Amino acid sequence: MTAAAGVIALVALAVTVASLGWLHAEPTGLSPVRNAVSQYGITPFRVGYRVATIAFGAAGIALAFGISAALRGQGRAVVILLVIFAVARAAISWFPMDAPGAERTSTGQTHGLLAIAAFGAATLAAFRLADVLSHASRWHALAPVSVGLGCAMAVCLLGLPLSRGLPAVRARFGAIERGFYLSAIAWFAVFAIACAAGIR
């Protein structure tokens, strides 16, 4: 169960990375430094964004199963947070962001709430798992890794609202958000590998 969940999570992560890579390689007219990842969802290349969000959600569900099986109930809060992440991530492409400069809509507001739920849940899951592992025999050595990647996610999350009020930071919104994606994908990959490889 644990190994199968880990393999599924890794495959889903590979699809996520491949989809995001394709979006960045295509002539979308968006800047990885300035523009939000969600902005791909309001371009003619939106299918790539949808595939990425659904695949990342699938990785979240698979990892929730893997962690639950590996830790035998000790990581219940982590599992709940991963389910929240998965649902928010899988749903978000059906609620596209508002175009920059356009009037705010209820759909765009829902998109923002889903993004906060997904990003916040992933960050909290990293910290919560680190706390669980610090008192567990399995994956004990991975506790500092979870803390480190959780801190990286948290720093990026703090930078996103700062960019709304600081012009110098606003010009790097896309880079900050992609920093979060990188940290989150790395955290998912570490524990998906731990599940798949049967690491003790």
C-alpha atoms as a PDB file:
ATOM      1  CA  MET A   1       0.000   0.000   0.000  1.00  0.00           C
ATOM      2  CA  THR A   2       2.727   2.469   1.017  1.00  0.00           C
ATOM      3  CA  ALA A   3       4.977   1.655  -1.942  1.00  0.00           C
ATOM      4  CA  ALA A   4       2.120   1.756  -4.464  1.00  0.00           C
ATOM      5  CA  ALA A   5       0.958   5.132  -3.133  1.00  0.00           C
ATOM      6  CA  GLY A   6       4.504   6.448  -3.402  1.00  0.00           C
ATOM      7  CA  VAL A   7       4.846   5.308  -7.017  1.00  0.00           C
ATOM      8  CA  ILE A   8       1.501   6.877  -7.957  1.00  0.00           C
ATOM      9  CA  ALA A   9       2.524  10.133  -6.272  1.00  0.00           C
ATOM     10  CA  LEU A  10       5.825  10.155  -8.187  1.00  0.00           C
ATOM     11  CA  VAL A  11       4.090   9.545 -11.520  1.00  0.00           C
ATOM     12  CA  ALA A  12       1.602  12.332 -10.775  1.00  0.00           C
ATOM     13  CA  LEU A  13       4.463  14.667  -9.835  1.00  0.00           C
ATOM     14  CA  ALA A  14       6.241  13.814 -13.091  1.00  0.00           C
ATOM     15  CA  VAL A  15       3.099  14.766 -15.021  1.00  0.00           C
ATOM     16  CA  THR A  16       2.860  17.998 -13.008  1.00  0.00           C
ATOM     17  CA  VAL A  17       6.459  18.952 -13.766  1.00  0.00           C
ATOM     18  CA  ALA A  18       6.151  17.973 -17.444  1.00  0.00           C
ATOM     19  CA  SER A  19       2.981  20.063 -17.842  1.00  0.00           C
ATOM     20  CA  LEU A  20       4.515  23.089 -16.149  1.00  0.00           C
ATOM     21  CA  GLY A  21       7.670  22.657 -18.211  1.00  0.00           C
ATOM     22  CA  TRP A  22       5.608  22.564 -21.414  1.00  0.00           C
ATOM     23  CA  LEU A  23       3.777  25.749 -20.402  1.00  0.00           C
ATOM     24  CA  HIS A  24       7.059  27.537 -19.790  1.00  0.00           C
ATOM     25  CA  ALA A  25       8.471  26.385 -23.130  1.00  0.00           C
ATOM     26  CA  GLU A  26       5.463  27.458 -25.202  1.00  0.00           C
ATOM     27  CA  PRO A  27       5.088  31.022 -26.589  1.00  0.00           C
ATOM     28  CA  THR A  28       2.499  32.096 -23.994  1.00  0.00           C
ATOM     29  CA  GLY A  29       3.817  35.649 -23.705  1.00  0.00           C
ATOM     30  CA  LEU A  30       4.067  35.272 -19.924  1.00  0.00           C
ATOM     31  CA  SER A  31       7.170  35.958 -17.871  1.00  0.00           C
ATOM     32  CA  PRO A  32       8.287  33.370 -15.281  1.00  0.00           C
ATOM     33  CA  VAL A  33       9.623  36.270 -13.219  1.00  0.00           C
ATOM     34  CA  ARG A  34       6.583  38.567 -13.296  1.00  0.00           C
ATOM     35  CA  ASN A  35       3.466  36.521 -14.054  1.00  0.00           C
ATOM     36  CA  ALA A  36       1.584  34.108 -11.809  1.00  0.00           C
ATOM     37  CA  VAL A  37       1.498  30.428 -12.730  1.00  0.00           C
ATOM     38  CA  SER A  38      -2.307  30.656 -12.649  1.00  0.00           C
ATOM     39  CA  GLN A  39      -2.168  33.091 -15.554  1.00  0.00           C
ATOM     40  CA  TYR A  40      -1.455  30.163 -17.874  1.00  0.00           C
ATOM     41  CA  GLY A  41      -5.029  29.121 -17.065  1.00  0.00           C
ATOM     42  CA  ILE A  42      -6.456  32.150 -18.885  1.00  0.00           C
ATOM     43  CA  THR A  43      -4.398  31.679 -22.042  1.00  0.00           C
ATOM     44  CA  PRO A  44      -5.006  29.404 -25.065  1.00  0.00           C
ATOM     45  CA  PHE A  45      -2.606  26.991 -23.310  1.00  0.00           C
ATOM     46  CA  ARG A  46      -4.990  26.485 -20.372  1.00  0.00           C
ATOM     47  CA  VAL A  47      -5.140  22.717 -20.919  1.00  0.00           C
ATOM     48  CA  GLY A  48      -1.537  22.415 -19.736  1.00  0.00           C
ATOM     49  CA  TYR A  49      -2.398  24.299 -16.556  1.00  0.00           C
ATOM     50  CA  ARG A  50      -5.414  22.067 -15.943  1.00  0.00           C
ATOM     51  CA  VAL A  51      -3.350  18.907 -16.392  1.00  0.00           C
ATOM     52  CA  ALA A  52      -0.747  20.278 -13.956  1.00  0.00           C
ATOM     53  CA  THR A  53      -3.300  21.153 -11.277  1.00  0.00           C
ATOM     54  CA  ILE A  54      -5.164  17.837 -11.519  1.00  0.00           C
ATOM     55  CA  ALA A  55      -1.916  15.862 -11.481  1.00  0.00           C
ATOM     56  CA  PHE A  56      -0.641  17.777  -8.445  1.00  0.00           C
ATOM     57  CA  GLY A  57      -3.959  17.082  -6.714  1.00  0.00           C
ATOM     58  CA  ALA A  58      -3.580  13.377  -7.534  1.00  0.00           C
ATOM     59  CA  ALA A  59      -0.087  13.442  -6.044  1.00  0.00           C
ATOM     60  CA  GLY A  60      -1.571  14.932  -2.884  1.00  0.00           C
ATOM     61  CA  ILE A  61      -4.172  12.168  -2.518  1.00  0.00           C
ATOM     62  CA  ALA A  62      -1.624   9.432  -3.246  1.00  0.00           C
ATOM     63  CA  LEU A  63       0.845  10.853  -0.731  1.00  0.00           C
ATOM     64  CA  ALA A  64      -1.922  11.130   1.878  1.00  0.00           C
ATOM     65  CA  PHE A  65      -2.556   7.398   1.499  1.00  0.00           C
ATOM     66  CA  GLY A  66       1.160   6.636   1.574  1.00  0.00           C
ATOM     67  CA  ILE A  67       1.851   8.652   4.723  1.00  0.00           C
ATOM     68  CA  SER A  68      -1.218   7.238   6.453  1.00  0.00           C
ATOM     69  CA  ALA A  69      -0.065   3.677   5.731  1.00  0.00           C
ATOM     70  CA  ALA A  70       3.591   4.346   6.555  1.00  0.00           C
ATOM     71  CA  LEU A  71       2.959   6.093   9.873  1.00  0.00           C
ATOM     72  CA  ARG A  72      -0.049   3.993  10.846  1.00  0.00           C
ATOM     73  CA  GLY A  73      -2.299   6.784  12.014  1.00  0.00           C
ATOM     74  CA  GLN A  74       0.376   9.009  13.552  1.00  0.00           C
ATOM     75  CA  GLY A  75       0.162  11.500  10.703  1.00  0.00           C
ATOM     76  CA  ARG A  76      -3.608  12.064  10.705  1.00  0.00           C
ATOM     77  CA  ALA A  77      -3.306  15.867  10.612  1.00  0.00           C
ATOM     78  CA  VAL A  78      -0.855  15.626   7.713  1.00  0.00           C
ATOM     79  CA  VAL A  79      -3.269  13.382   5.812  1.00  0.00           C
ATOM     80  CA  ILE A  80      -6.139  15.850   6.339  1.00  0.00           C
ATOM     81  CA  LEU A  81      -3.979  18.742   5.146  1.00  0.00           C
ATOM     82  CA  LEU A  82      -2.940  16.789   2.054  1.00  0.00           C
ATOM     83  CA  VAL A  83      -6.570  16.040   1.228  1.00  0.00           C
ATOM     84  CA  ILE A  84      -7.364  19.765   1.536  1.00  0.00           C
ATOM     85  CA  PHE A  85      -4.421  20.499  -0.760  1.00  0.00           C
ATOM     86  CA  ALA A  86      -5.535  17.880  -3.276  1.00  0.00           C
ATOM     87  CA  VAL A  87      -9.130  19.066  -3.468  1.00  0.00           C
ATOM     88  CA  ALA A  88      -8.144  22.733  -3.796  1.00  0.00           C
ATOM     89  CA  ARG A  89      -5.492  22.002  -6.423  1.00  0.00           C
ATOM     90  CA  ALA A  90      -7.708  19.735  -8.513  1.00  0.00           C
ATOM     91  CA  ALA A  91     -10.578  22.250  -8.492  1.00  0.00           C
ATOM     92  CA  ILE A  92      -8.691  25.483  -9.093  1.00  0.00           C
ATOM     93  CA  SER A  93      -8.478  25.367 -12.905  1.00  0.00           C
ATOM     94  CA  TRP A  94     -12.289  25.438 -13.095  1.00  0.00           C
ATOM     95  CA  PHE A  95     -12.160  28.786 -11.284  1.00  0.00           C
ATOM     96  CA  PRO A  96      -9.664  30.806 -13.366  1.00  0.00           C
ATOM     97  CA  MET A  97      -8.029  33.911 -12.020  1.00  0.00           C
ATOM     98  CA  ASP A  98      -9.202  37.328 -13.149  1.00  0.00           C
ATOM     99  CA  ALA A  99      -7.080  38.889 -15.868  1.00  0.00           C
ATOM    100  CA  PRO A 100      -4.644  41.495 -14.480  1.00  0.00           C
ATOM    101  CA  GLY A 101      -6.338  44.887 -14.394  1.00  0.00           C
ATOM    102  CA  ALA A 102      -9.812  43.418 -14.959  1.00  0.00           C
ATOM    103  CA  GLU A 103     -12.728  43.833 -12.585  1.00  0.00           C
ATOM    104  CA  ARG A 104     -12.809  41.364  -9.698  1.00  0.00           C
ATOM    105  CA  THR A 105     -15.274  38.509 -10.116  1.00  0.00           C
ATOM    106  CA  SER A 106     -16.620  35.826  -7.782  1.00  0.00           C
ATOM    107  CA  THR A 107     -14.811  33.227  -9.902  1.00  0.00           C
ATOM    108  CA  GLY A 108     -11.522  35.052  -9.452  1.00  0.00           C
ATOM    109  CA  GLN A 109     -12.116  35.364  -5.715  1.00  0.00           C
ATOM    110  CA  THR A 110     -12.802  31.638  -5.489  1.00  0.00           C
ATOM    111  CA  HIS A 111      -9.559  31.029  -7.366  1.00  0.00           C
ATOM    112  CA  GLY A 112      -7.704  33.092  -4.762  1.00  0.00           C
ATOM    113  CA  LEU A 113      -9.273  31.178  -1.866  1.00  0.00           C
ATOM    114  CA  LEU A 114      -8.430  27.829  -3.454  1.00  0.00           C
ATOM    115  CA  ALA A 115      -4.831  28.957  -3.979  1.00  0.00           C
ATOM    116  CA  ILE A 116      -4.550  30.023  -0.329  1.00  0.00           C
ATOM    117  CA  ALA A 117      -6.058  26.704   0.806  1.00  0.00           C
ATOM    118  CA  ALA A 118      -3.667  24.649  -1.342  1.00  0.00           C
ATOM    119  CA  PHE A 119      -0.502  26.611  -0.574  1.00  0.00           C
ATOM    120  CA  GLY A 120      -1.308  26.946   3.112  1.00  0.00           C
ATOM    121  CA  ALA A 121      -2.197  23.270   3.503  1.00  0.00           C
ATOM    122  CA  ALA A 122       1.024  22.100   1.831  1.00  0.00           C
ATOM    123  CA  THR A 123       3.131  24.371   4.047  1.00  0.00           C
ATOM    124  CA  LEU A 124       1.375  23.308   7.246  1.00  0.00           C
ATOM    125  CA  ALA A 125       1.639  19.644   6.207  1.00  0.00           C
ATOM    126  CA  ALA A 126       5.425  19.984   5.916  1.00  0.00           C
ATOM    127  CA  PHE A 127       5.731  21.455   9.412  1.00  0.00           C
ATOM    128  CA  ARG A 128       3.240  19.030  10.934  1.00  0.00           C
ATOM    129  CA  LEU A 129       4.983  16.028   9.384  1.00  0.00           C
ATOM    130  CA  ALA A 130       8.337  17.248  10.702  1.00  0.00           C
ATOM    131  CA  ASP A 131       6.846  17.381  14.204  1.00  0.00           C
ATOM    132  CA  VAL A 132       5.443  13.854  13.865  1.00  0.00           C
ATOM    133  CA  LEU A 133       8.721  12.463  12.518  1.00  0.00           C
ATOM    134  CA  SER A 134      10.753  14.034  15.311  1.00  0.00           C
ATOM    135  CA  HIS A 135       8.944  11.641  17.699  1.00  0.00           C
ATOM    136  CA  ALA A 136       8.633   8.667  15.352  1.00  0.00           C
ATOM    137  CA  SER A 137      11.003   5.823  14.538  1.00  0.00           C
ATOM    138  CA  ARG A 138      10.171   5.756  10.828  1.00  0.00           C
ATOM    139  CA  TRP A 139      11.605   8.549   8.655  1.00  0.00           C
ATOM    140  CA  HIS A 140      13.067  10.206  11.746  1.00  0.00           C
ATOM    141  CA  ALA A 141      16.075  11.439   9.754  1.00  0.00           C
ATOM    142  CA  LEU A 142      13.743  13.182   7.282  1.00  0.00           C
ATOM    143  CA  ALA A 143      12.267  15.513   9.917  1.00  0.00           C
ATOM    144  CA  PRO A 144      14.865  18.278   9.243  1.00  0.00           C
ATOM    145  CA  VAL A 145      14.224  17.953   5.491  1.00  0.00           C
ATOM    146  CA  SER A 146      10.511  18.525   6.053  1.00  0.00           C
ATOM    147  CA  VAL A 147      11.271  21.549   8.262  1.00  0.00           C
ATOM    148  CA  GLY A 148      13.670  23.015   5.705  1.00  0.00           C
ATOM    149  CA  LEU A 149      11.278  22.664   2.772  1.00  0.00           C
ATOM    150  CA  GLY A 150       8.410  23.907   4.952  1.00  0.00           C
ATOM    151  CA  CYS A 151      10.445  27.013   5.771  1.00  0.00           C
ATOM    152  CA  ALA A 152      11.174  27.558   2.074  1.00  0.00           C
ATOM    153  CA  MET A 153       7.454  27.333   1.294  1.00  0.00           C
ATOM    154  CA  ALA A 154       6.606  29.688   4.160  1.00  0.00           C
ATOM    155  CA  VAL A 155       9.139  32.312   3.024  1.00  0.00           C
ATOM    156  CA  CYS A 156       7.689  32.239  -0.488  1.00  0.00           C
ATOM    157  CA  LEU A 157       4.148  32.503   0.883  1.00  0.00           C
ATOM    158  CA  LEU A 158       5.114  35.559   2.914  1.00  0.00           C
ATOM    159  CA  GLY A 159       6.663  37.117  -0.182  1.00  0.00           C
ATOM    160  CA  LEU A 160       3.462  36.816  -2.237  1.00  0.00           C
ATOM    161  CA  PRO A 161       1.314  39.295  -0.253  1.00  0.00           C
ATOM    162  CA  LEU A 162       4.337  41.590   0.168  1.00  0.00           C
ATOM    163  CA  SER A 163       4.549  41.833  -3.601  1.00  0.00           C
ATOM    164  CA  ARG A 164       1.082  43.410  -3.679  1.00  0.00           C
ATOM    165  CA  GLY A 165       2.307  46.484  -1.823  1.00  0.00           C
ATOM    166  CA  LEU A 166       5.955  46.753  -2.820  1.00  0.00           C
ATOM    167  CA  PRO A 167       6.590  47.554  -6.514  1.00  0.00           C
ATOM    168  CA  ALA A 168      10.131  46.179  -6.405  1.00  0.00           C
ATOM    169  CA  VAL A 169       8.846  42.846  -5.125  1.00  0.00           C
ATOM    170  CA  ARG A 170       5.748  42.883  -7.360  1.00  0.00           C
ATOM    171  CA  ALA A 171       7.957  42.662 -10.435  1.00  0.00           C
ATOM    172  CA  ARG A 172       9.207  39.312  -9.086  1.00  0.00           C
ATOM    173  CA  PHE A 173       5.835  37.825  -8.104  1.00  0.00           C
ATOM    174  CA  GLY A 174       6.160  34.994 -10.619  1.00  0.00           C
ATOM    175  CA  ALA A 175       9.635  34.039  -9.438  1.00  0.00           C
ATOM    176  CA  ILE A 176       8.496  33.971  -5.799  1.00  0.00           C
ATOM    177  CA  GLU A 177       5.475  31.817  -6.626  1.00  0.00           C
ATOM    178  CA  ARG A 178       7.620  29.455  -8.674  1.00  0.00           C
ATOM    179  CA  GLY A 179       9.935  29.222  -5.663  1.00  0.00           C
ATOM    180  CA  PHE A 180       6.956  27.936  -3.712  1.00  0.00           C
ATOM    181  CA  TYR A 181       6.132  25.419  -6.439  1.00  0.00           C
ATOM    182  CA  LEU A 182       9.723  24.189  -6.470  1.00  0.00           C
ATOM    183  CA  SER A 183       9.800  23.785  -2.675  1.00  0.00           C
ATOM    184  CA  ALA A 184       6.409  22.056  -2.574  1.00  0.00           C
ATOM    185  CA  ILE A 185       7.226  19.668  -5.414  1.00  0.00           C
ATOM    186  CA  ALA A 186      10.536  18.822  -3.721  1.00  0.00           C
ATOM    187  CA  TRP A 187       8.733  18.071  -0.429  1.00  0.00           C
ATOM    188  CA  PHE A 188       6.188  15.856  -2.191  1.00  0.00           C
ATOM    189  CA  ALA A 189       8.975  14.076  -4.077  1.00  0.00           C
ATOM    190  CA  VAL A 190      11.045  13.367  -0.946  1.00  0.00           C
ATOM    191  CA  PHE A 191       8.185  11.648   0.835  1.00  0.00           C
ATOM    192  CA  ALA A 192       6.825   9.952  -2.273  1.00  0.00           C
ATOM    193  CA  ILE A 193      10.291   8.411  -2.743  1.00  0.00           C
ATOM    194  CA  ALA A 194      10.345   7.449   0.950  1.00  0.00           C
ATOM    195  CA  CYS A 195       7.019   5.664   0.465  1.00  0.00           C
ATOM    196  CA  ALA A 196       7.958   4.031  -2.843  1.00  0.00           C
ATOM    197  CA  ALA A 197      11.380   2.859  -1.677  1.00  0.00           C
ATOM    198  CA  GLY A 198      10.199   1.589   1.692  1.00  0.00           C
ATOM    199  CA  ILE A 199      12.669   3.832   3.539  1.00  0.00           C
ATOM    200  CA  ARG A 200      12.600   3.306   7.270  1.00  0.00           C
END
